[in-house]
N, C-alpha and C. Protein backbone atom coordinates (compact mmCIF):
# COMPACT_ATOMS: atom_id res chain seq x y z
N UNK A 1 17.50 12.83 5.16
CA UNK A 1 18.28 13.70 5.00
C UNK A 1 19.28 14.96 3.66
N UNK A 2 19.32 14.03 3.11
CA UNK A 2 19.40 15.11 2.06
C UNK A 2 18.40 15.27 0.87
N UNK A 3 17.22 14.77 0.87
CA UNK A 3 16.01 15.22 0.35
C UNK A 3 16.03 16.00 1.12
N UNK A 4 16.12 16.03 2.25
CA UNK A 4 15.19 17.60 3.12
C UNK A 4 16.47 18.78 3.04
N UNK A 5 17.67 17.95 3.26
CA UNK A 5 18.87 19.80 2.80
C UNK A 5 18.24 20.52 1.40
N UNK A 6 17.34 19.56 0.58
CA UNK A 6 17.49 19.41 -1.34
C UNK A 6 16.87 20.89 -1.59
N UNK A 7 15.64 19.55 -0.46
CA UNK A 7 14.50 20.50 -0.87
C UNK A 7 13.92 21.23 0.10
N UNK A 8 13.42 22.54 0.11
CA UNK A 8 13.60 22.90 1.62
C UNK A 8 12.15 22.62 1.36
N UNK A 9 11.01 23.15 0.07
CA UNK A 9 9.49 22.86 0.32
C UNK A 9 9.24 21.61 0.53
N UNK A 10 9.77 21.07 1.47
CA UNK A 10 9.32 19.14 1.97
C UNK A 10 8.75 20.02 3.59
N UNK A 11 9.14 21.16 3.53
CA UNK A 11 8.59 21.80 4.87
C UNK A 11 7.24 22.39 4.85
N UNK A 12 6.68 23.24 3.50
CA UNK A 12 5.47 23.08 3.33
C UNK A 12 3.85 22.15 3.67
N UNK A 13 4.99 20.50 3.96
CA UNK A 13 3.36 19.62 4.51
C UNK A 13 3.64 19.80 5.71
N UNK A 14 4.00 20.74 6.73
CA UNK A 14 3.69 21.29 7.40
C UNK A 14 2.60 22.25 7.55
N UNK A 15 2.24 23.07 9.05
CA UNK A 15 1.36 24.50 8.79
C UNK A 15 1.85 25.55 8.08
N UNK A 16 2.07 26.45 7.60
CA UNK A 16 2.33 28.08 7.01
C UNK A 16 3.08 28.12 8.73
N UNK A 17 3.52 29.00 8.96
CA UNK A 17 4.01 29.85 10.40
C UNK A 17 4.03 28.77 11.30
N UNK A 18 4.68 27.34 11.16
CA UNK A 18 4.87 26.08 11.99
C UNK A 18 6.40 26.87 12.92
N UNK A 19 7.72 27.01 12.30
CA UNK A 19 8.57 27.13 12.61
C UNK A 19 9.54 26.43 12.84
N UNK A 20 8.87 25.19 12.54
CA UNK A 20 9.76 23.77 12.62
C UNK A 20 10.89 23.73 10.92
N UNK A 21 12.06 23.04 11.78
CA UNK A 21 13.29 22.79 10.99
C UNK A 21 13.23 21.55 10.37
N UNK A 22 14.03 20.74 9.66
CA UNK A 22 14.58 20.04 9.22
C UNK A 22 14.02 18.17 10.79
N UNK A 23 14.19 19.07 11.44
CA UNK A 23 14.30 17.84 12.96
C UNK A 23 13.48 17.89 12.65
N UNK A 24 12.23 18.54 13.09
CA UNK A 24 10.22 18.29 12.92
C UNK A 24 10.26 17.32 11.21
N UNK A 25 10.71 18.07 10.60
CA UNK A 25 9.95 17.26 8.96
C UNK A 25 10.71 16.24 9.06
N UNK A 26 12.14 15.25 9.36
CA UNK A 26 12.60 14.20 10.31
C UNK A 26 10.98 13.28 10.78
N UNK A 27 10.85 13.74 11.79
CA UNK A 27 9.16 13.48 12.60
C UNK A 27 8.01 12.92 12.17
N UNK A 28 7.79 13.47 10.72
CA UNK A 28 7.20 13.80 10.26
C UNK A 28 7.07 12.22 8.99
N UNK A 29 8.36 11.83 8.37
CA UNK A 29 8.37 10.93 8.06
C UNK A 29 8.67 9.85 9.13
N UNK A 30 8.64 9.38 9.91
CA UNK A 30 8.30 8.42 10.74
C UNK A 30 7.14 8.53 11.62
N UNK A 31 6.52 9.33 11.48
CA UNK A 31 4.79 9.08 12.16
C UNK A 31 4.57 10.48 13.12
N UNK A 32 6.33 10.57 13.11
CA UNK A 32 5.68 11.75 14.90
C UNK A 32 4.85 13.48 14.19
N UNK A 33 5.22 14.13 15.40
CA UNK A 33 4.12 15.48 15.52
C UNK A 33 4.96 16.52 15.47
N UNK A 34 4.99 17.59 15.28
CA UNK A 34 6.16 18.69 15.05
C UNK A 34 5.74 18.87 16.82
N UNK A 35 7.01 19.26 17.16
CA UNK A 35 6.65 19.36 18.73
C UNK A 35 6.95 21.39 18.99
N UNK A 36 6.92 22.00 17.69
CA UNK A 36 6.73 23.02 16.52
C UNK A 36 4.92 23.50 17.30
N UNK A 37 4.23 22.74 17.06
CA UNK A 37 2.65 22.78 16.57
C UNK A 37 1.79 21.41 17.33
N UNK A 38 0.64 22.42 18.28
CA UNK A 38 -0.33 21.07 18.66
C UNK A 38 -0.81 20.29 17.34
N UNK A 39 -1.23 19.32 17.48
CA UNK A 39 -1.40 18.67 16.37
C UNK A 39 -1.30 18.64 15.42
N UNK A 40 -0.18 18.36 15.00
CA UNK A 40 0.46 18.46 13.24
C UNK A 40 0.27 17.09 12.72
N UNK A 41 -1.27 16.36 12.88
CA UNK A 41 -1.93 15.48 12.17
C UNK A 41 -2.70 15.71 11.88
N UNK A 42 -2.85 17.17 11.10
CA UNK A 42 -4.18 17.62 10.74
C UNK A 42 -4.37 17.25 9.39
N UNK A 43 -5.84 17.17 8.73
CA UNK A 43 -5.98 16.23 7.94
C UNK A 43 -5.76 17.92 6.90
N UNK A 44 -5.11 17.09 5.71
CA UNK A 44 -5.13 17.36 4.71
C UNK A 44 -7.12 17.68 3.66
N UNK A 45 -6.57 17.79 2.86
CA UNK A 45 -7.63 17.89 1.83
C UNK A 45 -8.12 16.72 1.64
N UNK A 46 -6.82 16.20 1.07
CA UNK A 46 -6.85 14.72 0.52
C UNK A 46 -7.55 13.88 1.56
N UNK A 47 -7.63 13.97 3.35
CA UNK A 47 -8.32 13.23 4.60
C UNK A 47 -7.25 12.34 4.70
N UNK A 48 -5.86 12.99 4.43
CA UNK A 48 -4.88 11.68 5.36
C UNK A 48 -4.35 13.18 5.48
N UNK A 49 -3.76 12.90 7.15
CA UNK A 49 -2.23 13.74 7.49
C UNK A 49 -1.59 14.05 7.33
N UNK A 50 -0.40 14.90 7.24
CA UNK A 50 0.50 15.86 6.78
C UNK A 50 1.47 14.65 7.38
N UNK A 51 2.26 13.86 7.85
CA UNK A 51 2.77 13.00 8.03
C UNK A 51 2.91 11.79 6.61
N UNK A 52 0.74 11.08 6.63
CA UNK A 52 0.97 11.15 5.49
C UNK A 52 1.82 11.40 3.86
N UNK A 53 1.05 12.26 3.78
CA UNK A 53 1.01 13.62 2.68
C UNK A 53 2.97 13.01 1.95
N UNK A 54 3.88 13.91 3.66
CA UNK A 54 5.02 13.82 3.45
C UNK A 54 6.20 12.21 3.52
N UNK A 55 5.43 11.27 3.74
CA UNK A 55 6.31 9.92 3.44
C UNK A 55 5.23 9.35 1.95
N UNK A 56 4.37 9.50 1.51
CA UNK A 56 3.66 9.61 -0.21
C UNK A 56 4.69 10.36 -0.95
N UNK A 57 5.25 11.52 -0.70
CA UNK A 57 5.94 12.21 -1.30
C UNK A 57 7.19 12.32 -1.58
N UNK A 58 7.92 11.51 -0.53
CA UNK A 58 9.16 11.00 -0.09
C UNK A 58 9.14 9.71 -0.38
N UNK A 59 8.25 8.90 -1.13
CA UNK A 59 7.85 7.22 -1.41
C UNK A 59 7.97 7.77 -3.46
N UNK A 60 7.62 9.03 -3.80
CA UNK A 60 7.15 9.06 -4.60
C UNK A 60 8.90 9.85 -5.49
N UNK A 61 10.03 9.98 -4.54
CA UNK A 61 11.05 10.18 -5.10
C UNK A 61 11.45 9.34 -5.17
N UNK A 62 11.17 8.45 -4.33
CA UNK A 62 12.34 6.89 -4.39
C UNK A 62 11.89 6.41 -6.20
N UNK A 63 10.15 6.19 -6.39
CA UNK A 63 10.16 5.61 -7.67
C UNK A 63 10.82 6.54 -8.51
N UNK A 64 10.96 7.59 -8.71
CA UNK A 64 11.88 8.16 -9.43
C UNK A 64 13.40 8.08 -9.76
N UNK A 65 13.68 8.14 -8.55
CA UNK A 65 15.04 7.48 -8.59
C UNK A 65 15.12 6.15 -9.02
N UNK A 66 13.98 5.26 -8.75
CA UNK A 66 14.45 4.05 -9.27
C UNK A 66 14.11 3.65 -11.01
N UNK A 67 13.46 4.63 -11.16
CA UNK A 67 13.54 4.56 -12.31
C UNK A 67 13.81 4.76 -13.20
N UNK A 68 15.17 5.91 -12.77
CA UNK A 68 16.26 6.54 -13.71
C UNK A 68 16.95 5.31 -13.59
N UNK A 69 17.06 4.39 -13.02
CA UNK A 69 17.91 3.14 -13.13
C UNK A 69 17.63 1.85 -13.44
N UNK A 70 16.40 1.61 -14.13
CA UNK A 70 15.75 0.09 -14.33
C UNK A 70 16.59 -0.22 -14.92
N UNK A 71 17.89 0.31 -15.75
CA UNK A 71 18.44 -0.47 -16.98
C UNK A 71 19.64 -0.63 -16.53
N UNK A 72 19.63 -0.35 -14.85
CA UNK A 72 20.89 -0.92 -13.80
C UNK A 72 20.10 -1.83 -12.61
N UNK A 73 20.10 -1.36 -11.63
CA UNK A 73 19.47 -2.17 -10.69
C UNK A 73 17.88 -1.87 -10.11
N UNK A 74 17.57 -0.40 -10.92
CA UNK A 74 16.20 -0.15 -11.03
C UNK A 74 14.77 -0.90 -10.15
N UNK A 75 14.73 -1.99 -11.14
CA UNK A 75 13.88 -2.88 -11.03
C UNK A 75 13.48 -3.62 -9.85
N UNK A 76 14.59 -4.11 -9.30
CA UNK A 76 15.30 -4.98 -7.95
C UNK A 76 14.61 -3.34 -6.79
N UNK A 77 15.07 -2.32 -6.80
CA UNK A 77 14.91 -1.13 -6.29
C UNK A 77 13.42 -1.00 -6.20
N UNK A 78 13.20 -0.89 -6.63
CA UNK A 78 11.55 -0.48 -7.23
C UNK A 78 10.42 -0.89 -6.28
N UNK A 79 10.77 -2.79 -6.98
CA UNK A 79 10.02 -3.69 -6.29
C UNK A 79 10.13 -4.34 -4.40
N UNK A 80 11.66 -4.43 -4.73
CA UNK A 80 11.80 -4.58 -2.94
C UNK A 80 12.11 -4.17 -2.18
N UNK A 81 12.72 -3.06 -2.55
CA UNK A 81 13.09 -1.95 -1.57
C UNK A 81 15.10 -1.81 -1.51
N UNK A 82 15.76 -1.31 -0.73
CA UNK A 82 17.12 -1.37 -0.37
C UNK A 82 17.52 -1.74 1.21
N UNK A 83 18.07 -2.03 1.74
CA UNK A 83 18.58 -2.20 2.70
C UNK A 83 19.04 -1.25 3.77
N UNK A 84 20.25 -1.82 4.91
CA UNK A 84 20.57 -0.68 4.96
C UNK A 84 21.27 0.16 5.27
N UNK A 85 22.41 -0.52 3.58
CA UNK A 85 22.88 0.35 2.92
C UNK A 85 23.20 1.10 2.16
N UNK A 86 21.84 0.75 1.99
CA UNK A 86 21.32 1.71 0.74
C UNK A 86 21.23 0.89 -0.71
N UNK A 87 21.40 -0.39 -0.79
CA UNK A 87 21.53 -1.24 -2.05
C UNK A 87 20.35 -2.31 -2.33
N UNK A 88 19.84 -2.09 -3.40
CA UNK A 88 19.11 -2.94 -2.62
C UNK A 88 18.88 -4.43 -2.56
N UNK A 89 17.61 -4.20 -2.66
CA UNK A 89 17.59 -5.98 -1.66
C UNK A 89 17.48 -7.28 -3.19
N UNK A 90 18.07 -7.83 -2.74
CA UNK A 90 18.30 -9.10 -3.49
C UNK A 90 17.30 -9.59 -4.47
N UNK A 91 17.16 -9.73 -5.27
CA UNK A 91 15.27 -10.16 -6.02
C UNK A 91 15.80 -12.26 -5.23
N UNK A 92 14.17 -12.64 -4.41
CA UNK A 92 14.23 -14.02 -4.34
C UNK A 92 14.00 -14.38 -5.43
N UNK A 93 14.76 -15.77 -5.49
CA UNK A 93 14.67 -17.38 -6.77
C UNK A 93 13.89 -18.18 -6.68
N UNK A 94 12.95 -17.55 -7.81
CA UNK A 94 11.58 -18.45 -7.33
C UNK A 94 11.49 -19.46 -8.89
N UNK A 95 11.34 -20.72 -8.93
CA UNK A 95 10.92 -20.93 -11.00
C UNK A 95 10.65 -20.34 -11.22
N UNK A 96 10.41 -21.29 -12.50
CA UNK A 96 9.38 -20.47 -14.23
C UNK A 96 8.15 -21.18 -13.29
N UNK A 97 7.87 -22.29 -13.06
CA UNK A 97 6.94 -22.91 -13.03
C UNK A 97 5.96 -21.37 -11.54
N UNK A 98 6.44 -21.55 -11.32
CA UNK A 98 5.71 -20.00 -9.87
C UNK A 98 5.86 -18.59 -10.80
N UNK A 99 6.71 -18.61 -11.44
CA UNK A 99 6.78 -17.32 -12.16
C UNK A 99 4.90 -16.84 -13.18
N UNK A 100 5.46 -18.05 -13.29
CA UNK A 100 4.00 -18.12 -14.67
C UNK A 100 3.10 -18.60 -13.66
N UNK A 101 2.51 -19.48 -12.42
CA UNK A 101 1.40 -19.33 -11.54
C UNK A 101 0.92 -17.50 -11.15
N UNK A 102 2.07 -16.81 -10.55
CA UNK A 102 1.53 -15.81 -10.37
C UNK A 102 1.09 -14.96 -11.34
N UNK A 103 1.83 -15.12 -12.32
CA UNK A 103 0.99 -14.13 -13.65
C UNK A 103 -0.52 -14.89 -14.08
N UNK A 104 -0.66 -15.73 -13.81
CA UNK A 104 -2.26 -16.82 -13.97
C UNK A 104 -2.92 -16.13 -12.50
N UNK A 105 -2.96 -15.71 -11.35
CA UNK A 105 -2.80 -15.60 -10.55
C UNK A 105 -3.71 -14.49 -10.37
N UNK A 106 -4.52 -13.78 -9.28
CA UNK A 106 -5.74 -12.87 -9.67
C UNK A 106 -3.92 -11.45 -8.41
N UNK A 107 -3.86 -10.77 -8.89
CA UNK A 107 -3.26 -9.93 -8.67
C UNK A 107 -3.73 -9.51 -6.71
N UNK A 108 -4.33 -9.28 -6.38
CA UNK A 108 -4.96 -8.64 -4.82
C UNK A 108 -4.75 -9.74 -4.47
N UNK A 109 -4.66 -11.55 -4.88
CA UNK A 109 -5.10 -12.29 -4.11
C UNK A 109 -3.65 -12.85 -3.44
N UNK A 110 -2.90 -11.98 -3.82
CA UNK A 110 -1.52 -12.96 -3.23
C UNK A 110 -0.91 -12.52 -2.36
N UNK A 111 0.15 -12.28 -1.98
CA UNK A 111 0.46 -12.39 -0.38
C UNK A 111 1.14 -10.95 -0.69
N UNK A 112 1.74 -9.84 0.24
CA UNK A 112 2.61 -8.45 -0.28
C UNK A 112 3.67 -8.91 -0.89
N UNK A 113 4.53 -9.88 -0.18
CA UNK A 113 6.01 -10.43 -1.28
C UNK A 113 5.69 -11.12 -2.47
N UNK A 114 4.53 -11.86 -2.87
CA UNK A 114 4.41 -12.72 -4.07
C UNK A 114 3.40 -11.48 -4.50
N UNK A 115 3.02 -9.89 -4.17
CA UNK A 115 2.76 -8.75 -5.15
C UNK A 115 3.82 -8.88 -5.57
N UNK A 116 4.95 -8.33 -5.28
CA UNK A 116 6.18 -8.10 -5.32
C UNK A 116 7.32 -8.59 -6.62
N UNK A 117 7.26 -10.15 -6.24
CA UNK A 117 7.50 -10.59 -6.58
C UNK A 117 7.06 -11.02 -8.66
N UNK A 118 5.81 -11.05 -8.54
CA UNK A 118 5.11 -10.83 -10.05
C UNK A 118 4.74 -9.62 -10.49
N UNK A 119 5.30 -8.39 -9.72
CA UNK A 119 5.40 -7.16 -10.53
C UNK A 119 6.53 -6.67 -10.76
N UNK A 120 7.43 -7.28 -10.34
CA UNK A 120 8.92 -7.51 -11.14
C UNK A 120 9.47 -8.26 -12.00
N UNK A 121 8.47 -9.42 -12.13
CA UNK A 121 8.79 -10.53 -13.09
C UNK A 121 7.37 -10.60 -14.37
N UNK A 122 6.85 -9.40 -14.26
CA UNK A 122 5.98 -8.69 -15.32
C UNK A 122 5.04 -7.90 -15.33
N UNK A 123 5.84 -6.48 -14.86
CA UNK A 123 5.66 -5.67 -15.48
C UNK A 123 6.16 -5.32 -16.26
N UNK A 124 5.67 -4.42 -17.74
CA UNK A 124 6.43 -4.40 -18.96
C UNK A 124 7.96 -3.21 -18.84
N UNK A 125 8.76 -3.56 -18.32
CA UNK A 125 9.71 -2.16 -17.95
C UNK A 125 10.10 -1.67 -18.94
N UNK A 126 10.22 -2.26 -20.08
CA UNK A 126 9.98 -0.94 -21.33
C UNK A 126 9.98 -0.37 -21.58
N UNK A 127 8.67 -0.18 -20.94
CA UNK A 127 7.27 1.20 -21.13
C UNK A 127 7.86 2.09 -20.21
N UNK A 128 8.21 1.72 -18.81
CA UNK A 128 8.68 2.31 -18.11
C UNK A 128 9.62 3.29 -18.59
N UNK A 129 10.65 2.75 -19.06
CA UNK A 129 12.01 3.23 -19.92
C UNK A 129 11.18 4.00 -20.59
N UNK A 130 10.49 3.92 -21.31
CA UNK A 130 10.37 4.68 -22.86
C UNK A 130 9.31 5.76 -22.38
N UNK A 131 8.44 5.97 -21.22
CA UNK A 131 8.50 6.69 -20.14
C UNK A 131 8.93 8.20 -19.78
N UNK A 132 10.27 7.42 -18.93
CA UNK A 132 10.99 8.28 -18.70
C UNK A 132 11.90 8.66 -19.69
N UNK A 133 12.14 8.07 -20.35
CA UNK A 133 12.96 8.82 -22.16
C UNK A 133 11.91 10.00 -22.58
N UNK A 134 10.47 9.84 -22.33
CA UNK A 134 9.52 10.52 -23.34
C UNK A 134 9.60 11.95 -22.55
N UNK A 135 9.85 12.39 -21.41
CA UNK A 135 9.83 12.92 -20.60
C UNK A 135 11.36 13.85 -20.22
N UNK A 136 12.12 12.87 -21.02
CA UNK A 136 13.77 13.68 -21.41
C UNK A 136 15.02 14.08 -19.87
N UNK A 137 14.48 12.83 -19.02
CA UNK A 137 15.05 12.68 -17.82
C UNK A 137 16.07 11.72 -18.25
N UNK A 138 16.12 11.00 -19.44
CA UNK A 138 17.30 10.34 -19.60
C UNK A 138 17.44 10.35 -21.04
N UNK A 139 19.35 9.59 -21.37
CA UNK A 139 18.87 9.96 -23.08
C UNK A 139 19.80 8.39 -23.58
N UNK A 140 19.57 8.28 -24.36
CA UNK A 140 20.54 7.73 -25.31
C UNK A 140 21.16 7.38 -25.74
N UNK A 141 22.33 7.34 -26.24
CA UNK A 141 23.18 7.86 -27.16
C UNK A 141 23.13 6.65 -28.11
N UNK A 142 23.94 7.19 -29.02
CA UNK A 142 23.97 5.92 -30.63
C UNK A 142 24.86 4.90 -30.08
N UNK A 143 25.38 4.83 -29.31
CA UNK A 143 26.23 3.70 -28.79
C UNK A 143 25.48 3.47 -27.76
N UNK A 144 24.65 3.20 -27.22
CA UNK A 144 23.55 2.67 -26.47
C UNK A 144 23.49 2.74 -24.92
N UNK A 145 24.38 3.89 -24.82
CA UNK A 145 25.00 4.53 -23.27
C UNK A 145 23.64 5.43 -22.86
N UNK A 146 23.54 5.01 -21.79
CA UNK A 146 22.48 5.89 -21.16
C UNK A 146 22.56 6.64 -19.87
N UNK A 147 22.18 8.57 -20.33
CA UNK A 147 22.30 9.44 -19.47
C UNK A 147 21.73 10.07 -18.95
N UNK A 148 21.92 10.94 -17.62
CA UNK A 148 20.50 11.08 -16.74
C UNK A 148 20.94 13.23 -17.47
N UNK A 149 19.81 13.52 -17.79
CA UNK A 149 20.07 15.25 -18.30
C UNK A 149 19.65 16.29 -17.05
N UNK A 150 20.64 15.88 -16.86
CA UNK A 150 20.40 16.80 -15.12
C UNK A 150 19.63 17.83 -14.80
N UNK A 151 19.73 19.46 -15.62
CA UNK A 151 18.66 20.07 -15.42
C UNK A 151 17.68 20.12 -15.40
N UNK A 152 16.74 18.43 -16.41
CA UNK A 152 15.19 18.35 -16.74
C UNK A 152 15.01 17.58 -15.12
N UNK A 153 15.86 16.70 -15.35
CA UNK A 153 15.41 15.73 -13.99
C UNK A 153 15.95 16.47 -11.87
N UNK A 154 16.21 17.74 -12.26
CA UNK A 154 16.26 18.25 -10.99
C UNK A 154 15.19 18.92 -11.04
N UNK A 155 14.38 19.66 -12.18
CA UNK A 155 13.61 20.68 -12.41
C UNK A 155 12.24 19.61 -12.18
N UNK A 156 12.46 17.90 -12.05
CA UNK A 156 11.50 17.23 -11.98
C UNK A 156 11.58 16.83 -10.25
N UNK A 157 12.10 16.72 -9.89
CA UNK A 157 12.37 16.78 -8.60
C UNK A 157 11.94 17.76 -7.53
N UNK A 158 11.93 19.23 -8.54
CA UNK A 158 11.31 20.24 -7.50
C UNK A 158 10.17 20.09 -7.67
N UNK A 159 9.49 19.68 -8.23
CA UNK A 159 7.65 19.58 -9.43
C UNK A 159 6.99 18.08 -8.63
N UNK A 160 8.10 17.17 -8.29
CA UNK A 160 7.77 16.31 -7.22
C UNK A 160 7.36 17.05 -5.56
N UNK A 161 8.33 17.63 -5.08
CA UNK A 161 8.76 17.29 -3.59
C UNK A 161 7.64 18.76 -3.09
N UNK A 162 6.96 19.25 -4.46
CA UNK A 162 6.07 21.16 -4.63
C UNK A 162 4.64 19.75 -4.35
N UNK A 163 5.04 19.45 -6.17
CA UNK A 163 3.02 18.32 -5.92
C UNK A 163 1.75 18.92 -5.53
N UNK A 164 1.75 18.16 -4.27
CA UNK A 164 1.22 17.73 -3.06
C UNK A 164 0.73 19.10 -1.93
N UNK A 165 1.77 20.16 -2.13
CA UNK A 165 1.54 20.67 -0.60
C UNK A 165 0.18 22.12 -0.45
N UNK A 166 -0.39 22.02 -1.75
CA UNK A 166 -1.71 22.49 -1.47
C UNK A 166 -2.58 21.96 -1.38
N UNK A 167 -2.37 20.71 -0.99
CA UNK A 167 -3.23 20.05 0.19
C UNK A 167 -3.32 20.77 1.56
N UNK A 168 -2.52 21.14 1.66
CA UNK A 168 -2.61 21.59 3.20
C UNK A 168 -3.34 22.67 3.15
N UNK A 169 -4.37 22.88 3.43
CA UNK A 169 -5.52 24.13 3.08
C UNK A 169 -4.61 25.10 4.24
N UNK A 170 -3.84 25.09 4.88
CA UNK A 170 -3.20 26.51 5.17
C UNK A 170 -2.72 27.14 4.35
N UNK A 171 -1.91 26.42 3.00
CA UNK A 171 -1.45 27.15 2.32
C UNK A 171 -2.45 27.64 0.92
N UNK A 172 -3.52 27.46 0.94
CA UNK A 172 -3.74 27.73 -0.50
C UNK A 172 -3.93 28.97 -0.59
N UNK A 173 -3.75 30.23 -2.27
CA UNK A 173 -3.94 31.61 -2.76
C UNK A 173 -5.32 31.74 -2.50
N UNK A 174 -4.91 32.49 -2.23
CA UNK A 174 -6.96 33.89 -2.72
C UNK A 174 -6.22 34.42 -4.06
N UNK A 175 -6.75 34.16 -4.78
CA UNK A 175 -6.56 35.45 -6.33
C UNK A 175 -7.27 36.90 -6.21
N UNK A 176 -6.29 37.49 -6.80
CA UNK A 176 -6.07 39.58 -6.82
C UNK A 176 -7.00 39.67 -8.26
N UNK A 177 -7.47 38.48 -9.20
CA UNK A 177 -8.60 38.97 -10.00
C UNK A 177 -8.61 37.98 -10.61
N UNK A 178 -10.21 37.59 -11.29
CA UNK A 178 -10.72 36.53 -11.51
C UNK A 178 -9.36 35.75 -12.95
N UNK A 179 -10.28 34.23 -11.78
CA UNK A 179 -8.56 33.20 -12.35
C UNK A 179 -9.19 31.54 -13.23
N UNK A 180 -9.39 31.70 -13.87
CA UNK A 180 -10.01 30.15 -14.47
C UNK A 180 -11.20 29.54 -13.43
N UNK A 181 -12.49 30.96 -13.58
CA UNK A 181 -13.86 30.42 -13.18
C UNK A 181 -13.65 30.89 -11.21
N UNK A 182 -12.23 31.10 -10.97
CA UNK A 182 -12.36 31.78 -9.36
C UNK A 182 -12.46 32.64 -9.38
N UNK A 183 -13.38 33.59 -8.46
CA UNK A 183 -13.91 35.53 -8.82
C UNK A 183 -12.71 35.27 -7.91
N UNK A 184 -12.25 37.07 -7.96
CA UNK A 184 -11.12 38.05 -7.05
C UNK A 184 -11.20 37.74 -5.45
N UNK A 185 -10.34 37.87 -5.32
CA UNK A 185 -10.58 37.58 -3.56
C UNK A 185 -11.56 36.35 -3.01
N UNK A 186 -11.97 35.64 -3.28
CA UNK A 186 -11.58 34.01 -3.53
C UNK A 186 -11.12 32.58 -3.76
N UNK A 187 -10.66 31.98 -2.71
CA UNK A 187 -9.66 30.76 -2.55
C UNK A 187 -9.28 29.96 -3.40
N UNK A 188 -8.24 29.36 -4.06
CA UNK A 188 -8.80 28.49 -5.38
C UNK A 188 -7.76 27.38 -4.34
N UNK A 189 -9.82 26.80 -4.23
CA UNK A 189 -9.64 24.90 -3.04
C UNK A 189 -9.00 24.53 -4.15
N UNK A 190 -9.32 24.20 -5.18
CA UNK A 190 -7.98 22.81 -5.92
C UNK A 190 -6.53 22.68 -5.68
N UNK A 191 -6.37 22.00 -4.92
CA UNK A 191 -4.71 22.09 -4.51
C UNK A 191 -3.81 21.60 -5.81
N UNK A 192 -4.38 21.28 -7.06
CA UNK A 192 -3.35 21.25 -8.55
C UNK A 192 -3.58 22.72 -9.24
N UNK A 193 -4.83 23.10 -9.09
CA UNK A 193 -4.89 24.71 -9.37
C UNK A 193 -4.43 25.35 -8.89
N UNK A 194 -4.51 24.86 -6.92
CA UNK A 194 -3.45 26.35 -6.43
C UNK A 194 -1.96 25.96 -6.95
N UNK A 195 -1.38 25.10 -7.03
CA UNK A 195 -0.13 25.26 -7.94
C UNK A 195 -0.26 25.69 -9.04
N UNK A 196 -0.90 25.79 -9.79
CA UNK A 196 -0.68 25.95 -11.38
C UNK A 196 -0.74 27.57 -11.16
N UNK A 197 -1.38 28.53 -9.95
CA UNK A 197 -1.74 29.76 -9.68
C UNK A 197 -0.34 30.07 -9.64
N UNK A 198 -0.37 29.78 -7.97
CA UNK A 198 1.24 30.18 -7.91
C UNK A 198 2.42 29.61 -8.43
N UNK A 199 2.50 29.07 -9.56
CA UNK A 199 3.79 28.59 -10.40
C UNK A 199 3.54 29.84 -11.93
């Protein structure tokens, strides 16, 4: 609910002119269809439904959230999710021998739970932390304390909200002048290029 209220751009994962509000957008998150429009599961250019694209975007928001908290509870949240109270689930306890077995095993031969454990124990989390630092989403002070760069994080979250909306082909723009090889009067078909054109 907070994401939908904070980023109304999420409504764009539905067809333009649907007239659907936040309630219909929440239905997309749970796999429902919008009552405002028949066939709300229309295929995007990615060949998956609008509800799937919407849920993938919500998942991206959670990834950002946990990555900003890697030095706290982010690793557990990233791998095991959260409970009904929005607290990261506890990390299952396993032996050192089991940790080593998971590292040696082929990742795609593992069960879903084993994959989470393998990722938790063997992901180079310092690389994630360095990536977030390089993006200037966080700052580490001389005292070692980490703070969030609020303005840059806000911009990053806004980009996360809209980064795939132009997979909804009803939103693709038509250029007024030649642009990056697209002739005047033609539609920008690539969803990333369409976002760049509009921005």
